[in-house]
Amino acid sequence: MKRLVSILFLNLLSPGPLCSAQPIKEATAAPVVIKKTAKAITPATYTGKQVVVGNGGGFTGASTSYYLLENGQLFGRRSHDTTFTFLAKQTTTNTKRIFSKVENSCKIKKTRFDHPGNVYTFVQWRKGKTSYKVTWGATGKKAPSNYPKFYNSFMAMIPASLRLK
């Protein structure tokens, strides 16, 4: 019996039909390709035109802003948030209409009005580092008539379910 076990053991160790030792193949030296992933577009990184509307103030001083990018992406952000919240993608027609209204009807690049009150509302146009902003809310200071209308129409395009709370 010992002899049988020895023979089996030797057969297992020796190269042959039971155990054929094959050389390990060398790995091919294919270059490793690392692809850069596209950065997410946010209002902080976007260099095109943006329209920003929002409000804030009061007891807490908190504010809520909505950002419409020229590419149609709509984001929201509260003053205590660290990131932007993607809300929706607007149609090209609607996006162009909004930019046309703020640039041509409201003439935001020529309007100078900065009268925030305890509670305030604002409309802002940005492109890169260039920015124009109209803020209203102070008692006794009436905002230019096109701005409250623009603010209300902008907010009407955001369904209540998507608004930041």
Protein backbone atom coordinates (compact mmCIF):
# COMPACT_ATOMS: atom_id res chain seq x y z
CA MET A 1 0.00 0.00 0.00
CA LYS A 2 2.86 2.31 0.83
CA ARG A 3 4.36 1.55 -2.53
CA LEU A 4 1.12 2.46 -4.33
CA VAL A 5 0.90 5.79 -2.54
CA SER A 6 4.54 6.54 -3.38
CA ILE A 7 3.97 5.82 -7.07
CA LEU A 8 0.90 8.03 -7.19
CA PHE A 9 2.72 10.79 -5.36
CA LEU A 10 5.68 10.63 -7.74
CA ASN A 11 3.37 10.66 -10.77
CA LEU A 12 1.68 13.78 -9.49
CA LEU A 13 5.00 15.58 -9.14
CA SER A 14 6.55 14.48 -12.41
CA PRO A 15 5.62 16.19 -15.66
CA GLY A 16 3.43 13.96 -17.68
CA PRO A 17 -0.17 13.34 -18.60
CA LEU A 18 -1.45 13.92 -15.05
CA CYS A 19 0.43 17.12 -14.44
CA SER A 20 1.80 18.94 -17.41
CA ALA A 21 3.84 21.93 -16.44
CA GLN A 22 3.35 24.69 -18.97
CA PRO A 23 5.44 27.79 -18.93
CA ILE A 24 3.70 30.94 -17.76
CA LYS A 25 3.22 33.32 -20.66
CA GLU A 26 4.56 36.80 -20.29
CA ALA A 27 1.93 39.52 -20.20
CA THR A 28 1.67 41.59 -23.32
CA ALA A 29 3.04 45.07 -22.90
CA ALA A 30 -0.03 46.90 -24.17
CA PRO A 31 -0.04 50.53 -23.09
CA VAL A 32 -2.54 51.50 -20.43
CA VAL A 33 -4.84 54.22 -21.66
CA ILE A 34 -6.36 56.52 -19.07
CA LYS A 35 -9.24 58.59 -20.34
CA LYS A 36 -10.18 61.84 -18.69
CA THR A 37 -13.78 61.91 -17.67
CA ALA A 38 -15.75 64.97 -18.58
CA LYS A 39 -16.32 67.34 -15.71
CA ALA A 40 -19.91 67.96 -14.83
CA ILE A 41 -21.13 71.33 -15.99
CA THR A 42 -22.39 73.51 -13.16
CA PRO A 43 -23.02 77.25 -12.95
CA ALA A 44 -19.66 77.55 -11.17
CA THR A 45 -17.75 76.03 -14.12
CA TYR A 46 -19.89 77.19 -17.04
CA THR A 47 -18.32 79.97 -19.13
CA GLY A 48 -21.31 80.72 -21.36
CA LYS A 49 -24.21 83.04 -20.56
CA GLN A 50 -26.33 82.49 -17.45
CA VAL A 51 -29.47 84.05 -16.05
CA VAL A 52 -29.77 83.84 -12.27
CA VAL A 53 -32.90 84.75 -10.33
CA GLY A 54 -33.45 84.46 -6.64
CA ASN A 55 -34.59 85.88 -3.36
CA GLY A 56 -33.49 85.95 0.21
CA GLY A 57 -33.08 87.83 3.43
CA GLY A 58 -35.45 87.97 6.34
CA PHE A 59 -34.77 86.57 9.79
CA THR A 60 -32.34 83.86 8.63
CA GLY A 61 -30.69 85.79 5.80
CA ALA A 62 -30.83 82.65 3.65
CA SER A 63 -31.23 82.91 -0.11
CA THR A 64 -32.37 80.66 -2.94
CA SER A 65 -31.07 81.07 -6.48
CA TYR A 66 -32.02 79.45 -9.78
CA TYR A 67 -29.50 79.33 -12.64
CA LEU A 68 -30.44 78.91 -16.29
CA LEU A 69 -27.43 78.20 -18.48
CA GLU A 70 -27.36 79.10 -22.16
CA ASN A 71 -27.35 75.36 -22.97
CA GLY A 72 -30.78 75.02 -21.29
CA GLN A 73 -29.70 73.37 -18.04
CA LEU A 74 -31.53 74.67 -14.97
CA PHE A 75 -29.95 74.45 -11.52
CA GLY A 76 -30.94 75.56 -8.05
CA ARG A 77 -28.91 76.39 -4.99
CA ARG A 78 -29.67 77.60 -1.49
CA SER A 79 -27.16 79.73 0.38
CA HIS A 80 -26.42 76.91 2.84
CA ASP A 81 -25.88 74.32 0.06
CA THR A 82 -22.38 73.36 -1.02
CA THR A 83 -23.43 72.02 -4.41
CA PHE A 84 -25.80 72.92 -7.22
CA THR A 85 -28.93 70.84 -7.73
CA PHE A 86 -29.78 70.00 -11.33
CA LEU A 87 -33.51 70.60 -11.78
CA ALA A 88 -34.38 70.25 -15.46
CA LYS A 89 -33.40 70.89 -19.05
CA GLN A 90 -35.30 73.73 -20.73
CA THR A 91 -36.18 73.71 -24.40
CA THR A 92 -33.98 75.70 -26.77
CA THR A 93 -36.92 77.96 -27.64
CA ASN A 94 -37.70 78.73 -24.00
CA THR A 95 -34.03 79.32 -23.16
CA LYS A 96 -33.61 81.77 -26.05
CA ARG A 97 -36.81 83.57 -25.06
CA ILE A 98 -35.58 84.05 -21.49
CA PHE A 99 -32.19 85.35 -22.55
CA SER A 100 -33.81 87.67 -25.08
CA LYS A 101 -36.17 89.10 -22.44
CA VAL A 102 -33.46 89.77 -19.88
CA GLU A 103 -31.05 91.23 -22.43
CA ASN A 104 -33.47 93.20 -24.64
CA SER A 105 -36.70 93.87 -22.73
CA CYS A 106 -35.14 94.36 -19.31
CA LYS A 107 -31.89 95.80 -20.71
CA ILE A 108 -29.99 94.34 -17.77
CA LYS A 109 -26.60 95.52 -19.06
CA LYS A 110 -27.75 99.14 -18.81
CA THR A 111 -30.00 99.03 -15.75
CA ARG A 112 -28.42 100.13 -12.46
CA PHE A 113 -30.69 99.30 -9.54
CA ASP A 114 -29.36 97.89 -6.27
CA HIS A 115 -31.87 98.45 -3.45
CA PRO A 116 -32.20 95.27 -1.38
CA GLY A 117 -34.36 95.43 1.69
CA ASN A 118 -34.65 93.09 4.63
CA VAL A 119 -36.21 90.70 2.12
CA TYR A 120 -34.97 91.04 -1.44
CA THR A 121 -35.37 89.66 -4.95
CA PHE A 122 -32.83 89.76 -7.76
CA VAL A 123 -32.22 89.06 -11.45
CA GLN A 124 -28.67 88.60 -12.68
CA TRP A 125 -27.01 88.03 -16.06
CA ARG A 126 -23.53 86.49 -16.17
CA LYS A 127 -20.99 85.45 -18.74
CA GLY A 128 -17.59 84.40 -17.47
CA LYS A 129 -16.48 87.07 -15.03
CA THR A 130 -18.86 89.72 -16.40
CA SER A 131 -22.00 90.17 -14.34
CA TYR A 132 -24.96 92.54 -14.19
CA LYS A 133 -27.44 92.39 -11.31
CA VAL A 134 -30.65 94.17 -10.40
CA THR A 135 -31.80 93.79 -6.78
CA TRP A 136 -34.97 95.17 -5.20
CA GLY A 137 -36.92 94.93 -1.98
CA ALA A 138 -36.18 98.12 -0.05
CA THR A 139 -39.20 100.00 1.22
CA GLY A 140 -39.97 103.05 -0.89
CA LYS A 141 -37.79 101.91 -3.82
CA LYS A 142 -39.81 100.57 -6.73
CA ALA A 143 -38.01 98.14 -9.02
CA PRO A 144 -37.98 98.84 -12.76
CA SER A 145 -41.31 97.45 -14.02
CA ASN A 146 -39.89 94.74 -16.31
CA TYR A 147 -37.95 93.01 -13.53
CA PRO A 148 -40.73 91.77 -11.23
CA LYS A 149 -42.59 90.56 -14.35
CA PHE A 150 -39.46 88.78 -15.58
CA TYR A 151 -38.85 87.23 -12.15
CA ASN A 152 -42.43 85.96 -11.96
CA SER A 153 -42.35 84.47 -15.48
CA PHE A 154 -39.00 82.80 -14.77
CA MET A 155 -40.32 81.26 -11.57
CA ALA A 156 -43.51 80.14 -13.35
CA MET A 157 -41.45 77.93 -15.66
CA ILE A 158 -40.15 75.94 -12.64
CA PRO A 159 -42.81 73.48 -11.48
CA ALA A 160 -43.56 73.68 -7.75
CA SER A 161 -42.34 70.09 -7.33
CA LEU A 162 -38.85 71.08 -8.56
CA ARG A 163 -38.44 74.23 -6.48
CA LEU A 164 -35.98 74.11 -3.64
CA LYS A 165 -37.53 74.10 -0.20
